[in-house]
C-alpha cells in the first residue's frame, strides 16, 4: 500500500507540474497584419513576466475564427474586421464582455512605382492581388471599394487571390502582380513595393481590429493580464510606431 501511495503522489505531482506549465502558455490567434507589433508586445510582456510563454497563430481572420471553432487552442483573438468578431460572438467562442477595439488601419494599393495613381487606373493593369474576400478582411474591403468605385466588373478577370494580406504583399514585392491591396502598415514594411495610392475612405468601412478573450482565455490569468497590457499606453505607443491608428 505504501508503494501504491507513493506512485499516486508522484503522479499527482506530475499532473500538477504539467497543469502549472500549461497555465503559463498564452495562445494568440491574430490577424496576419499585426504580426510585427504583436511579436514586440509579447516579447516585452514576457521579459516582465517570467515563465510566460506565447504560442502565436497568425493568419486570415476568417481562417483563425474557423480554427478556434474547430477546437484550436486560443486565449486571445484579434481580427481585422468586425464581421469575424461577430461570428466568434455568435458561435460563443469569445467572452463577449471582453470585446473591444485594439487599433485601426488604412487600405492602400502597393506595387512598382508608376503602375497606378488612383482607383480608376486599376482597369489598365493586368494583375491585381487581393486577399480572398471569404476569409481575408483586406480582400473584402477591396471588393467593396471596387463596387463603390464602379469598376468591379472590369477587374473580375484581373484579380489574383491570396490566403492573407501578407501573401498579397509578397506577390507585389516579387513583381508577380502589378500591385496589391494591403494595409498601410504592411506596405511600410515592404522593400520593393511602394504605396501607389491610399484607397478613399468613402469607398470602404474603416479598418478596425476588434479583440477579445476567448472562453478559455477568460480563465487564463496570464492571458487576461496580457489582454489588459494590450489596452495600455505601451501598446498604443508601439502601434503608432508601426503606423497603426489608435483612435
C-alpha atoms as a PDB file:
ATOM      1  CA  UNK A   1       0.000   0.000   0.000  1.00  0.00           C
ATOM      2  CA  UNK A   2       2.867   2.381   0.840  1.00  0.00           C
ATOM      3  CA  UNK A   3       4.339   1.766  -2.621  1.00  0.00           C
ATOM      4  CA  UNK A   4       0.973   2.441  -4.258  1.00  0.00           C
ATOM      5  CA  UNK A   5       0.562   5.629  -2.239  1.00  0.00           C
ATOM      6  CA  UNK A   6       3.983   6.863  -3.364  1.00  0.00           C
ATOM      7  CA  UNK A   7       3.077   6.186  -7.007  1.00  0.00           C
ATOM      8  CA  UNK A   8      -0.213   8.091  -6.662  1.00  0.00           C
ATOM      9  CA  UNK A   9       1.537  11.038  -5.005  1.00  0.00           C
ATOM     10  CA  UNK A  10       4.211  11.034  -7.718  1.00  0.00           C
ATOM     11  CA  UNK A  11       1.567  11.014 -10.476  1.00  0.00           C
ATOM     12  CA  UNK A  12      -0.337  13.808  -8.745  1.00  0.00           C
ATOM     13  CA  UNK A  13       2.821  15.932  -8.646  1.00  0.00           C
ATOM     14  CA  UNK A  14       3.468  15.319 -12.333  1.00  0.00           C
ATOM     15  CA  UNK A  15      -0.073  16.376 -13.224  1.00  0.00           C
ATOM     16  CA  UNK A  16       0.246  19.478 -11.055  1.00  0.00           C
ATOM     17  CA  UNK A  17       3.514  20.419 -12.735  1.00  0.00           C
ATOM     18  CA  UNK A  18       2.036  19.896 -16.191  1.00  0.00           C
ATOM     19  CA  UNK A  19      -1.016  21.983 -15.304  1.00  0.00           C
ATOM     20  CA  UNK A  20       1.218  24.741 -13.959  1.00  0.00           C
ATOM     21  CA  UNK A  21       3.296  24.738 -17.136  1.00  0.00           C
ATOM     22  CA  UNK A  22       0.219  24.950 -19.320  1.00  0.00           C
ATOM     23  CA  UNK A  23      -1.150  27.848 -17.294  1.00  0.00           C
ATOM     24  CA  UNK A  24       1.864  29.934 -18.298  1.00  0.00           C
ATOM     25  CA  UNK A  25       1.117  29.495 -22.008  1.00  0.00           C
ATOM     26  CA  UNK A  26      -0.802  32.221 -23.827  1.00  0.00           C
ATOM     27  CA  UNK A  27      -2.246  31.143 -27.153  1.00  0.00           C
ATOM     28  CA  UNK A  28      -2.740  34.009 -29.596  1.00  0.00           C
ATOM     29  CA  UNK A  29      -4.914  33.968 -32.730  1.00  0.00           C
ATOM     30  CA  UNK A  30      -4.085  37.213 -34.509  1.00  0.00           C
ATOM     31  CA  UNK A  31      -4.661  38.781 -37.933  1.00  0.00           C
ATOM     32  CA  UNK A  32      -1.503  38.471 -40.053  1.00  0.00           C
ATOM     33  CA  UNK A  33      -1.118  42.233 -40.470  1.00  0.00           C
ATOM     34  CA  UNK A  34      -0.415  42.573 -36.735  1.00  0.00           C
ATOM     35  CA  UNK A  35       2.489  40.119 -36.670  1.00  0.00           C
ATOM     36  CA  UNK A  36       5.401  42.514 -36.048  1.00  0.00           C
ATOM     37  CA  UNK A  37       3.702  44.660 -33.432  1.00  0.00           C
ATOM     38  CA  UNK A  38       2.303  41.670 -31.517  1.00  0.00           C
ATOM     39  CA  UNK A  39       5.726  39.993 -31.597  1.00  0.00           C
ATOM     40  CA  UNK A  40       7.287  43.050 -29.961  1.00  0.00           C
ATOM     41  CA  UNK A  41       4.500  43.432 -27.418  1.00  0.00           C
ATOM     42  CA  UNK A  42       4.576  39.754 -26.427  1.00  0.00           C
ATOM     43  CA  UNK A  43       8.380  39.822 -26.100  1.00  0.00           C
ATOM     44  CA  UNK A  44       8.181  42.899 -23.880  1.00  0.00           C
ATOM     45  CA  UNK A  45       5.474  41.326 -21.712  1.00  0.00           C
ATOM     46  CA  UNK A  46       7.396  38.045 -21.392  1.00  0.00           C
ATOM     47  CA  UNK A  47      10.501  39.880 -20.167  1.00  0.00           C
ATOM     48  CA  UNK A  48       8.467  41.438 -17.372  1.00  0.00           C
ATOM     49  CA  UNK A  49       6.607  38.234 -16.503  1.00  0.00           C
ATOM     50  CA  UNK A  50       8.997  35.358 -16.003  1.00  0.00           C
ATOM     51  CA  UNK A  51       7.738  31.959 -17.128  1.00  0.00           C
ATOM     52  CA  UNK A  52       5.078  33.226 -19.502  1.00  0.00           C
ATOM     53  CA  UNK A  53       5.284  31.687 -22.968  1.00  0.00           C
ATOM     54  CA  UNK A  54       3.415  32.709 -26.100  1.00  0.00           C
ATOM     55  CA  UNK A  55       2.140  30.364 -28.798  1.00  0.00           C
ATOM     56  CA  UNK A  56       1.224  32.529 -31.803  1.00  0.00           C
ATOM     57  CA  UNK A  57      -1.005  31.771 -34.740  1.00  0.00           C
ATOM     58  CA  UNK A  58      -1.073  34.490 -37.416  1.00  0.00           C
ATOM     59  CA  UNK A  59      -3.343  34.295 -40.429  1.00  0.00           C
ATOM     60  CA  UNK A  60      -6.527  35.443 -42.144  1.00  0.00           C
ATOM     61  CA  UNK A  61      -9.224  36.463 -39.653  1.00  0.00           C
ATOM     62  CA  UNK A  62     -11.789  34.061 -41.083  1.00  0.00           C
ATOM     63  CA  UNK A  63      -9.411  31.121 -41.044  1.00  0.00           C
ATOM     64  CA  UNK A  64      -8.482  31.858 -37.416  1.00  0.00           C
ATOM     65  CA  UNK A  65     -12.136  32.024 -36.350  1.00  0.00           C
ATOM     66  CA  UNK A  66     -12.844  28.683 -38.006  1.00  0.00           C
ATOM     67  CA  UNK A  67      -9.797  27.131 -36.333  1.00  0.00           C
ATOM     68  CA  UNK A  68     -10.952  28.291 -32.904  1.00  0.00           C
ATOM     69  CA  UNK A  69     -14.405  26.920 -33.660  1.00  0.00           C
ATOM     70  CA  UNK A  70     -12.811  23.576 -34.540  1.00  0.00           C
ATOM     71  CA  UNK A  71     -11.052  23.420 -31.182  1.00  0.00           C
ATOM     72  CA  UNK A  72      -7.670  25.029 -31.844  1.00  0.00           C
ATOM     73  CA  UNK A  73      -6.197  26.383 -28.583  1.00  0.00           C
ATOM     74  CA  UNK A  74      -6.658  30.134 -28.300  1.00  0.00           C
ATOM     75  CA  UNK A  75      -6.772  32.613 -25.432  1.00  0.00           C
ATOM     76  CA  UNK A  76      -6.886  35.923 -27.307  1.00  0.00           C
ATOM     77  CA  UNK A  77      -8.491  36.544 -30.696  1.00  0.00           C
ATOM     78  CA  UNK A  78      -7.715  39.719 -32.698  1.00  0.00           C
ATOM     79  CA  UNK A  79      -9.352  40.120 -36.122  1.00  0.00           C
ATOM     80  CA  UNK A  80      -9.010  42.686 -38.905  1.00  0.00           C
ATOM     81  CA  UNK A  81     -12.713  43.450 -39.153  1.00  0.00           C
ATOM     82  CA  UNK A  82     -15.883  43.457 -37.055  1.00  0.00           C
ATOM     83  CA  UNK A  83     -17.547  40.705 -39.069  1.00  0.00           C
ATOM     84  CA  UNK A  84     -15.327  37.869 -37.853  1.00  0.00           C
ATOM     85  CA  UNK A  85     -15.542  39.012 -34.241  1.00  0.00           C
ATOM     86  CA  UNK A  86     -19.343  38.993 -34.588  1.00  0.00           C
ATOM     87  CA  UNK A  87     -19.030  35.455 -35.943  1.00  0.00           C
ATOM     88  CA  UNK A  88     -16.974  34.458 -32.892  1.00  0.00           C
ATOM     89  CA  UNK A  89     -19.540  36.032 -30.565  1.00  0.00           C
ATOM     90  CA  UNK A  90     -22.450  34.293 -32.269  1.00  0.00           C
ATOM     91  CA  UNK A  91     -20.650  30.961 -32.022  1.00  0.00           C
ATOM     92  CA  UNK A  92     -19.903  31.639 -28.341  1.00  0.00           C
ATOM     93  CA  UNK A  93     -16.155  31.355 -28.938  1.00  0.00           C
ATOM     94  CA  UNK A  94     -15.246  34.521 -27.011  1.00  0.00           C
ATOM     95  CA  UNK A  95     -16.042  36.177 -23.718  1.00  0.00           C
ATOM     96  CA  UNK A  96     -18.419  38.851 -25.027  1.00  0.00           C
ATOM     97  CA  UNK A  97     -17.808  41.148 -22.049  1.00  0.00           C
ATOM     98  CA  UNK A  98     -14.144  41.470 -23.097  1.00  0.00           C
ATOM     99  CA  UNK A  99     -14.734  42.510 -26.728  1.00  0.00           C
ATOM    100  CA  UNK A 100     -13.172  45.860 -27.561  1.00  0.00           C
ATOM    101  CA  UNK A 101     -11.161  47.725 -30.201  1.00  0.00           C
ATOM    102  CA  UNK A 102      -7.405  47.187 -30.389  1.00  0.00           C
ATOM    103  CA  UNK A 103      -6.421  49.527 -33.225  1.00  0.00           C
ATOM    104  CA  UNK A 104      -7.204  50.828 -36.752  1.00  0.00           C
ATOM    105  CA  UNK A 105      -5.576  50.688 -40.188  1.00  0.00           C
ATOM    106  CA  UNK A 106      -5.875  52.038 -43.736  1.00  0.00           C
ATOM    107  CA  UNK A 107      -6.221  50.219 -47.069  1.00  0.00           C
ATOM    108  CA  UNK A 108      -3.649  51.093 -49.744  1.00  0.00           C
ATOM    109  CA  UNK A 109      -2.556  49.875 -53.161  1.00  0.00           C
ATOM    110  CA  UNK A 110       1.131  48.939 -53.355  1.00  0.00           C
ATOM    111  CA  UNK A 111       3.345  47.979 -56.267  1.00  0.00           C
ATOM    112  CA  UNK A 112       6.103  49.194 -58.567  1.00  0.00           C
ATOM    113  CA  UNK A 113       6.232  52.991 -58.978  1.00  0.00           C
ATOM    114  CA  UNK A 114       4.247  54.295 -61.928  1.00  0.00           C
ATOM    115  CA  UNK A 115       1.797  51.395 -62.153  1.00  0.00           C
ATOM    116  CA  UNK A 116      -1.243  53.295 -60.841  1.00  0.00           C
ATOM    117  CA  UNK A 117      -2.131  56.507 -59.051  1.00  0.00           C
ATOM    118  CA  UNK A 118      -5.870  56.068 -58.424  1.00  0.00           C
ATOM    119  CA  UNK A 119      -8.694  53.526 -58.317  1.00  0.00           C
ATOM    120  CA  UNK A 120      -9.607  54.321 -61.929  1.00  0.00           C
ATOM    121  CA  UNK A 121      -6.074  53.435 -63.071  1.00  0.00           C
ATOM    122  CA  UNK A 122      -6.627  49.836 -61.964  1.00  0.00           C
ATOM    123  CA  UNK A 123      -8.592  48.990 -65.098  1.00  0.00           C
ATOM    124  CA  UNK A 124      -5.392  49.471 -67.132  1.00  0.00           C
ATOM    125  CA  UNK A 125      -3.476  46.831 -65.167  1.00  0.00           C
ATOM    126  CA  UNK A 126      -3.174  43.119 -65.943  1.00  0.00           C
ATOM    127  CA  UNK A 127      -2.981  41.523 -62.493  1.00  0.00           C
ATOM    128  CA  UNK A 128      -4.036  42.733 -59.043  1.00  0.00           C
ATOM    129  CA  UNK A 129      -3.587  40.769 -55.806  1.00  0.00           C
ATOM    130  CA  UNK A 130      -6.196  40.825 -53.051  1.00  0.00           C
ATOM    131  CA  UNK A 131      -6.826  38.578 -50.090  1.00  0.00           C
ATOM    132  CA  UNK A 132      -9.591  36.031 -50.580  1.00  0.00           C
ATOM    133  CA  UNK A 133     -12.735  38.000 -49.600  1.00  0.00           C
ATOM    134  CA  UNK A 134     -14.276  34.946 -47.955  1.00  0.00           C
ATOM    135  CA  UNK A 135     -11.690  34.916 -45.167  1.00  0.00           C
ATOM    136  CA  UNK A 136      -9.387  37.937 -45.555  1.00  0.00           C
ATOM    137  CA  UNK A 137     -10.857  41.282 -44.415  1.00  0.00           C
ATOM    138  CA  UNK A 138      -8.437  43.295 -46.592  1.00  0.00           C
ATOM    139  CA  UNK A 139      -9.820  41.458 -49.625  1.00  0.00           C
ATOM    140  CA  UNK A 140     -13.368  42.132 -48.505  1.00  0.00           C
ATOM    141  CA  UNK A 141     -12.584  45.838 -48.066  1.00  0.00           C
ATOM    142  CA  UNK A 142     -11.018  45.916 -51.539  1.00  0.00           C
ATOM    143  CA  UNK A 143     -14.038  44.279 -53.169  1.00  0.00           C
ATOM    144  CA  UNK A 144     -16.362  46.795 -51.541  1.00  0.00           C
ATOM    145  CA  UNK A 145     -14.142  49.636 -52.777  1.00  0.00           C
ATOM    146  CA  UNK A 146     -14.268  48.216 -56.343  1.00  0.00           C
ATOM    147  CA  UNK A 147     -18.061  48.140 -56.277  1.00  0.00           C
ATOM    148  CA  UNK A 148     -18.444  51.654 -54.906  1.00  0.00           C
ATOM    149  CA  UNK A 149     -15.904  52.939 -57.439  1.00  0.00           C
ATOM    150  CA  UNK A 150     -17.923  51.233 -60.204  1.00  0.00           C
ATOM    151  CA  UNK A 151     -15.019  49.142 -61.506  1.00  0.00           C
ATOM    152  CA  UNK A 152     -15.775  45.710 -60.032  1.00  0.00           C
ATOM    153  CA  UNK A 153     -16.889  44.153 -63.336  1.00  0.00           C
ATOM    154  CA  UNK A 154     -13.818  45.469 -65.153  1.00  0.00           C
ATOM    155  CA  UNK A 155     -11.486  43.932 -62.581  1.00  0.00           C
ATOM    156  CA  UNK A 156     -13.040  40.463 -62.296  1.00  0.00           C
ATOM    157  CA  UNK A 157     -10.502  38.710 -64.541  1.00  0.00           C
ATOM    158  CA  UNK A 158      -7.527  40.669 -63.253  1.00  0.00           C
ATOM    159  CA  UNK A 159      -7.713  39.526 -59.625  1.00  0.00           C
ATOM    160  CA  UNK A 160      -5.209  37.138 -58.046  1.00  0.00           C
ATOM    161  CA  UNK A 161      -6.446  35.806 -54.702  1.00  0.00           C
ATOM    162  CA  UNK A 162      -4.098  35.294 -51.745  1.00  0.00           C
ATOM    163  CA  UNK A 163      -4.583  33.396 -48.484  1.00  0.00           C
ATOM    164  CA  UNK A 164      -3.847  36.501 -46.381  1.00  0.00           C
ATOM    165  CA  UNK A 165      -2.678  40.090 -46.664  1.00  0.00           C
ATOM    166  CA  UNK A 166       0.995  39.157 -46.277  1.00  0.00           C
ATOM    167  CA  UNK A 167       0.841  36.840 -49.253  1.00  0.00           C
ATOM    168  CA  UNK A 168      -0.647  39.750 -51.245  1.00  0.00           C
ATOM    169  CA  UNK A 169       2.324  41.888 -50.299  1.00  0.00           C
ATOM    170  CA  UNK A 170       4.718  39.088 -51.257  1.00  0.00           C
ATOM    171  CA  UNK A 171       3.222  38.935 -54.747  1.00  0.00           C
ATOM    172  CA  UNK A 172       3.736  42.684 -55.147  1.00  0.00           C
ATOM    173  CA  UNK A 173       7.258  42.516 -53.732  1.00  0.00           C
ATOM    174  CA  UNK A 174       8.252  39.824 -56.233  1.00  0.00           C
ATOM    175  CA  UNK A 175       6.672  41.670 -59.132  1.00  0.00           C
ATOM    176  CA  UNK A 176       4.337  38.737 -59.788  1.00  0.00           C
ATOM    177  CA  UNK A 177       1.401  41.172 -59.980  1.00  0.00           C
ATOM    178  CA  UNK A 178       1.101  44.807 -60.991  1.00  0.00           C
ATOM    179  CA  UNK A 179       0.078  45.684 -57.471  1.00  0.00           C
ATOM    180  CA  UNK A 180      -1.726  44.503 -54.343  1.00  0.00           C
ATOM    181  CA  UNK A 181      -4.315  45.785 -51.915  1.00  0.00           C
ATOM    182  CA  UNK A 182      -2.775  45.661 -48.451  1.00  0.00           C
ATOM    183  CA  UNK A 183      -2.854  47.669 -45.260  1.00  0.00           C
ATOM    184  CA  UNK A 184      -0.698  50.754 -44.865  1.00  0.00           C
ATOM    185  CA  UNK A 185       1.266  49.066 -42.083  1.00  0.00           C
ATOM    186  CA  UNK A 186       2.110  46.106 -44.346  1.00  0.00           C
ATOM    187  CA  UNK A 187       3.209  48.369 -47.189  1.00  0.00           C
ATOM    188  CA  UNK A 188       5.521  50.273 -44.839  1.00  0.00           C
ATOM    189  CA  UNK A 189       7.418  47.009 -44.254  1.00  0.00           C
ATOM    190  CA  UNK A 190       7.908  46.360 -47.988  1.00  0.00           C
ATOM    191  CA  UNK A 191      11.379  46.600 -49.526  1.00  0.00           C
ATOM    192  CA  UNK A 192      10.444  46.723 -53.205  1.00  0.00           C
ATOM    193  CA  UNK A 193       6.768  47.634 -53.442  1.00  0.00           C
ATOM    194  CA  UNK A 194       5.727  51.213 -52.698  1.00  0.00           C
ATOM    195  CA  UNK A 195       2.414  52.751 -51.701  1.00  0.00           C
ATOM    196  CA  UNK A 196       0.936  53.971 -55.002  1.00  0.00           C
ATOM    197  CA  UNK A 197      -2.259  55.417 -53.541  1.00  0.00           C
ATOM    198  CA  UNK A 198      -4.481  55.291 -50.489  1.00  0.00           C
ATOM    199  CA  UNK A 199      -7.984  53.968 -51.083  1.00  0.00           C
ATOM    200  CA  UNK A 200     -10.511  56.802 -50.499  1.00  0.00           C
ATOM    201  CA  UNK A 201     -12.158  56.381 -47.092  1.00  0.00           C
ATOM    202  CA  UNK A 202     -15.663  56.760 -48.504  1.00  0.00           C
ATOM    203  CA  UNK A 203     -15.252  53.554 -50.536  1.00  0.00           C
ATOM    204  CA  UNK A 204     -14.987  51.077 -47.637  1.00  0.00           C
ATOM    205  CA  UNK A 205     -15.621  50.774 -43.873  1.00  0.00           C
ATOM    206  CA  UNK A 206     -12.855  51.851 -41.511  1.00  0.00           C
ATOM    207  CA  UNK A 207     -10.348  49.044 -40.946  1.00  0.00           C
ATOM    208  CA  UNK A 208     -10.993  48.133 -37.319  1.00  0.00           C
ATOM    209  CA  UNK A 209      -9.235  45.448 -35.261  1.00  0.00           C
ATOM    210  CA  UNK A 210     -11.526  44.141 -32.509  1.00  0.00           C
ATOM    211  CA  UNK A 211     -10.042  41.841 -29.889  1.00  0.00           C
ATOM    212  CA  UNK A 212     -11.404  39.586 -27.182  1.00  0.00           C
ATOM    213  CA  UNK A 213     -10.509  36.912 -24.700  1.00  0.00           C
ATOM    214  CA  UNK A 214     -11.781  33.536 -25.820  1.00  0.00           C
ATOM    215  CA  UNK A 215     -13.874  31.447 -23.454  1.00  0.00           C
ATOM    216  CA  UNK A 216     -10.706  29.566 -22.463  1.00  0.00           C
ATOM    217  CA  UNK A 217      -8.660  32.766 -22.278  1.00  0.00           C
ATOM    218  CA  UNK A 218     -11.052  34.325 -19.776  1.00  0.00           C
ATOM    219  CA  UNK A 219      -9.979  31.552 -17.372  1.00  0.00           C
ATOM    220  CA  UNK A 220      -6.253  32.012 -18.049  1.00  0.00           C
ATOM    221  CA  UNK A 221      -4.773  34.521 -15.584  1.00  0.00           C
ATOM    222  CA  UNK A 222      -1.715  35.235 -17.741  1.00  0.00           C
ATOM    223  CA  UNK A 223      -3.823  35.721 -20.873  1.00  0.00           C
ATOM    224  CA  UNK A 224      -6.073  38.151 -19.012  1.00  0.00           C
ATOM    225  CA  UNK A 225      -3.010  40.087 -17.808  1.00  0.00           C
ATOM    226  CA  UNK A 226      -1.608  40.316 -21.352  1.00  0.00           C
ATOM    227  CA  UNK A 227      -5.035  41.359 -22.641  1.00  0.00           C
ATOM    228  CA  UNK A 228      -5.010  44.249 -20.169  1.00  0.00           C
ATOM    229  CA  UNK A 229      -1.474  45.115 -21.267  1.00  0.00           C
ATOM    230  CA  UNK A 230      -2.682  45.368 -24.882  1.00  0.00           C
ATOM    231  CA  UNK A 231      -5.013  48.165 -23.784  1.00  0.00           C
ATOM    232  CA  UNK A 232      -2.191  50.124 -22.155  1.00  0.00           C
ATOM    233  CA  UNK A 233      -0.023  53.076 -23.132  1.00  0.00           C
ATOM    234  CA  UNK A 234       2.995  50.949 -24.092  1.00  0.00           C
ATOM    235  CA  UNK A 235       0.886  49.043 -26.632  1.00  0.00           C
ATOM    236  CA  UNK A 236      -0.538  52.284 -28.057  1.00  0.00           C
ATOM    237  CA  UNK A 237       2.940  53.773 -28.440  1.00  0.00           C
ATOM    238  CA  UNK A 238       4.198  50.717 -30.304  1.00  0.00           C
ATOM    239  CA  UNK A 239       1.109  50.585 -32.515  1.00  0.00           C
ATOM    240  CA  UNK A 240       1.733  54.185 -33.550  1.00  0.00           C
ATOM    241  CA  UNK A 241       5.366  53.345 -34.274  1.00  0.00           C
ATOM    242  CA  UNK A 242       4.263  50.687 -36.755  1.00  0.00           C
ATOM    243  CA  UNK A 243       1.798  53.037 -38.475  1.00  0.00           C
ATOM    244  CA  UNK A 244      -1.456  51.918 -36.868  1.00  0.00           C
ATOM    245  CA  UNK A 245      -4.043  54.453 -35.679  1.00  0.00           C
ATOM    246  CA  UNK A 246      -5.097  54.185 -32.041  1.00  0.00           C
ATOM    247  CA  UNK A 247      -8.159  56.442 -32.339  1.00  0.00           C
END
